[in-house]
Amino acid sequence: MRARKKKHGAERLSACGEYMIHEGGVITNKPVILEIGCGKGKFITEFALNNPDKNIIGIEKTADIIVLAAEKVKNNKLINVKLINDDVVNLPKFFTENDVTAIYLNFSDPWPKSGHYKRRLTYKSFLDIYKSILIPRGQIFFKTDNLNLFEFSIDQLNKNGFKVQNATYDLHSSEYAKENITTEYETNFIEKGFKINRLEAIKL
């Protein structure tokens, strides 16, 4: 679904400039935790509030979405959060080897059509990017309501330099529910009775 155009979006994003990192910018506080597709910022904001000792960066390619995340971060005066308005394929322009301790993939687009599987953020080409910036034994935390995407992701991770562990097909009935931070999508899915799939993967 295409994001609705935000009124005065460019001006609003500019007003949050202190929280934005642009290509060529310096990320000073490393290593970091990275959320790919941070959306409107619910997860990253709550994570930062719960973990003031950790440095968190969110990347989101759609300006009309990330402006909402930037305003949320600014309103909460979060000094341990920065945001990037760019595509995930450009991550190597911002990060180098051992910059990232963990990556969160929360409800990525499942790209359900058979010819679109290479666009999934757990496809091999994307996993190669993540491996290039993660520390040794760095982790990926992945959540989705889409069972086909979940099983596809398990297969891709196991085949491409990661070890999948602590996987569940029903997150909110599992031992991992207590530490879980919900996203906007997740709240909606739970209300509709959908089960949430969740896993961790370690870089080998």
Protein backbone atom coordinates (compact mmCIF):
# COMPACT_ATOMS: atom_id res chain seq x y z
CA MET A 1 0.00 0.00 0.00
CA ARG A 2 1.38 3.40 -1.00
CA ALA A 3 1.89 5.84 1.87
CA ARG A 4 -0.40 8.83 1.93
CA LYS A 5 1.40 12.07 1.10
CA LYS A 6 2.09 13.98 4.31
CA LYS A 7 1.28 17.68 4.41
CA HIS A 8 4.50 19.71 4.68
CA GLY A 9 6.37 16.41 4.84
CA ALA A 10 9.72 17.78 3.64
CA GLU A 11 9.61 20.65 6.12
CA ARG A 12 8.63 18.31 8.95
CA LEU A 13 11.46 15.93 8.15
CA SER A 14 13.91 18.81 7.95
CA ALA A 15 12.80 19.94 11.40
CA CYS A 16 13.95 16.53 12.69
CA GLY A 17 17.32 16.86 10.95
CA GLU A 18 19.35 16.21 14.09
CA TYR A 19 17.98 12.66 14.12
CA MET A 20 18.69 11.92 10.45
CA ILE A 21 21.81 10.41 8.87
CA HIS A 22 22.45 11.07 5.19
CA GLU A 23 24.79 9.29 2.79
CA GLY A 24 28.33 10.27 3.67
CA GLY A 25 27.32 11.12 7.22
CA VAL A 26 29.31 9.76 10.15
CA ILE A 27 27.80 7.24 12.55
CA THR A 28 29.76 8.00 15.70
CA ASN A 29 28.27 5.68 18.30
CA LYS A 30 29.07 2.15 17.16
CA PRO A 31 28.23 -0.67 17.22
CA VAL A 32 24.51 -0.22 16.70
CA ILE A 33 21.27 -2.13 16.55
CA LEU A 34 19.52 -1.71 13.21
CA GLU A 35 15.82 -1.91 12.39
CA ILE A 36 15.19 -2.36 8.67
CA GLY A 37 11.85 -0.91 7.61
CA CYS A 38 11.23 1.06 10.79
CA GLY A 39 7.86 2.35 9.57
CA LYS A 40 6.20 4.92 11.81
CA GLY A 41 8.66 4.28 14.61
CA LYS A 42 6.63 2.49 17.29
CA PHE A 43 9.10 -0.37 17.71
CA ILE A 44 12.28 1.68 17.54
CA THR A 45 10.96 4.28 19.98
CA GLU A 46 9.88 1.75 22.58
CA PHE A 47 13.09 -0.24 22.14
CA ALA A 48 15.17 2.90 22.69
CA LEU A 49 13.21 3.90 25.77
CA ASN A 50 13.72 0.43 27.23
CA ASN A 51 17.42 0.34 26.29
CA PRO A 52 18.94 3.79 26.88
CA ASP A 53 22.45 2.26 26.86
CA LYS A 54 22.11 0.97 23.30
CA ASN A 55 22.51 2.87 20.03
CA ILE A 56 19.73 2.24 17.53
CA ILE A 57 19.35 3.16 13.88
CA GLY A 58 16.21 2.73 11.80
CA ILE A 59 16.10 2.73 8.01
CA GLU A 60 12.96 3.38 5.98
CA LYS A 61 12.88 4.22 2.28
CA THR A 62 9.55 6.09 2.19
CA ALA A 63 9.86 9.72 3.29
CA ASP A 64 6.15 10.07 4.05
CA ILE A 65 6.48 7.22 6.57
CA ILE A 66 9.84 7.96 8.15
CA VAL A 67 8.77 11.52 8.93
CA LEU A 68 6.32 10.04 11.47
CA ALA A 69 9.11 7.98 13.02
CA ALA A 70 11.40 11.02 13.15
CA GLU A 71 8.75 13.10 14.89
CA LYS A 72 8.13 10.31 17.39
CA VAL A 73 11.84 10.06 18.16
CA LYS A 74 12.12 13.84 18.50
CA ASN A 75 9.06 14.12 20.74
CA ASN A 76 10.57 11.51 23.05
CA LYS A 77 13.95 13.29 23.00
CA LEU A 78 15.78 10.05 22.26
CA ILE A 79 19.49 10.71 22.10
CA ASN A 80 20.31 7.07 21.27
CA VAL A 81 18.33 6.89 18.00
CA LYS A 82 19.16 7.97 14.45
CA LEU A 83 17.21 7.39 11.23
CA ILE A 84 18.10 6.86 7.58
CA ASN A 85 15.72 7.65 4.72
CA ASP A 86 17.06 5.27 2.08
CA ASP A 87 16.70 1.84 0.52
CA VAL A 88 18.12 -1.22 2.28
CA VAL A 89 20.35 -2.00 -0.72
CA ASN A 90 22.32 1.14 0.18
CA LEU A 91 23.22 -0.02 3.69
CA PRO A 92 26.91 -0.54 2.71
CA LYS A 93 27.10 3.21 2.06
CA PHE A 94 26.41 3.80 5.76
CA PHE A 95 27.93 0.78 7.50
CA THR A 96 31.11 -1.26 7.30
CA GLU A 97 32.18 -4.59 8.77
CA ASN A 98 31.38 -5.09 12.49
CA ASP A 99 29.27 -1.92 12.78
CA VAL A 100 26.02 -3.73 13.66
CA THR A 101 25.36 -6.13 16.55
CA ALA A 102 21.76 -7.04 15.68
CA ILE A 103 19.21 -6.48 12.92
CA TYR A 104 15.45 -6.41 13.42
CA LEU A 105 13.16 -7.26 10.50
CA ASN A 106 9.60 -6.63 11.60
CA PHE A 107 6.78 -7.53 9.20
CA SER A 108 8.67 -7.01 5.98
CA ASP A 109 6.71 -7.06 2.72
CA PRO A 110 6.10 -10.77 1.91
CA TRP A 111 6.15 -10.22 -1.88
CA PRO A 112 3.78 -13.18 -2.34
CA LYS A 113 3.89 -13.45 -6.15
CA SER A 114 6.18 -16.27 -7.28
CA GLY A 115 8.28 -14.01 -9.47
CA HIS A 116 8.93 -11.52 -6.69
CA TYR A 117 10.74 -13.72 -4.17
CA LYS A 118 14.08 -12.02 -4.83
CA ARG A 119 12.63 -8.82 -3.37
CA ARG A 120 12.06 -10.40 0.04
CA LEU A 121 14.37 -8.93 2.68
CA THR A 122 15.44 -12.43 3.73
CA TYR A 123 16.52 -13.44 0.22
CA LYS A 124 20.19 -14.36 -0.24
CA SER A 125 21.26 -11.03 -1.78
CA PHE A 126 19.96 -9.12 1.24
CA LEU A 127 21.44 -11.64 3.69
CA ASP A 128 24.82 -11.04 2.07
CA ILE A 129 24.46 -7.34 2.84
CA TYR A 130 23.56 -8.06 6.46
CA LYS A 131 26.54 -10.40 6.84
CA SER A 132 28.86 -7.68 5.55
CA ILE A 133 27.92 -5.27 8.37
CA LEU A 134 27.14 -7.61 11.29
CA ILE A 135 29.70 -8.48 13.93
CA PRO A 136 30.75 -12.16 14.25
CA ARG A 137 27.85 -14.01 15.90
CA GLY A 138 25.65 -10.99 15.20
CA GLN A 139 21.93 -11.67 15.23
CA ILE A 140 18.85 -11.18 13.09
CA PHE A 141 15.46 -11.02 14.80
CA PHE A 142 12.61 -11.63 12.37
CA LYS A 143 8.83 -11.42 12.79
CA THR A 144 6.03 -11.92 10.27
CA ASP A 145 2.40 -12.98 10.12
CA ASN A 146 3.05 -14.59 6.72
CA LEU A 147 3.74 -18.32 7.07
CA ASN A 148 5.12 -18.74 3.54
CA LEU A 149 7.57 -15.89 4.08
CA PHE A 150 8.57 -17.33 7.45
CA GLU A 151 9.38 -20.77 6.06
CA PHE A 152 11.13 -19.21 3.05
CA SER A 153 13.23 -17.14 5.46
CA ILE A 154 14.21 -20.13 7.57
CA ASP A 155 15.42 -21.90 4.43
CA GLN A 156 17.35 -18.86 3.15
CA LEU A 157 19.00 -18.14 6.50
CA ASN A 158 20.12 -21.73 7.00
CA LYS A 159 21.57 -21.87 3.49
CA ASN A 160 23.37 -18.55 3.61
CA GLY A 161 25.61 -18.31 6.64
CA PHE A 162 23.14 -18.11 9.53
CA LYS A 163 21.90 -20.53 12.15
CA VAL A 164 18.19 -20.26 12.96
CA GLN A 165 17.21 -20.70 16.59
CA ASN A 166 14.38 -19.93 19.02
CA ALA A 167 11.76 -20.05 16.27
CA THR A 168 8.05 -20.11 17.04
CA TYR A 169 4.90 -20.12 14.94
CA ASP A 170 2.88 -18.47 17.71
CA LEU A 171 4.93 -15.72 19.33
CA HIS A 172 2.23 -14.46 21.68
CA SER A 173 1.71 -17.89 23.21
CA SER A 174 5.45 -18.53 23.56
CA GLU A 175 8.14 -17.82 26.13
CA TYR A 176 9.35 -14.93 23.93
CA ALA A 177 6.14 -12.92 24.31
CA LYS A 178 7.27 -11.23 27.53
CA GLU A 179 10.20 -9.44 25.92
CA ASN A 180 8.37 -8.72 22.66
CA ILE A 181 7.79 -5.14 21.49
CA THR A 182 4.83 -4.87 19.15
CA THR A 183 4.77 -2.85 15.95
CA GLU A 184 1.81 -1.02 14.41
CA TYR A 185 1.22 -3.92 12.01
CA GLU A 186 1.54 -6.49 14.77
CA THR A 187 -1.11 -4.84 16.95
CA ASN A 188 -3.52 -4.90 14.02
CA PHE A 189 -2.77 -8.55 13.22
CA ILE A 190 -3.25 -9.63 16.84
CA GLU A 191 -6.63 -7.90 16.99
CA LYS A 192 -7.65 -9.90 13.91
CA GLY A 193 -6.57 -13.16 15.54
CA PHE A 194 -3.50 -13.78 13.35
CA LYS A 195 -0.61 -15.79 14.74
CA ILE A 196 2.81 -14.19 14.64
CA ASN A 197 5.91 -16.12 13.55
CA ARG A 198 9.22 -15.22 15.12
CA LEU A 199 12.85 -16.39 14.94
CA GLU A 200 16.42 -15.49 15.78
CA ALA A 201 19.35 -16.18 13.50
CA ILE A 202 23.05 -16.04 14.33
CA LYS A 203 25.74 -15.14 11.82
CA LEU A 204 28.12 -18.07 11.56
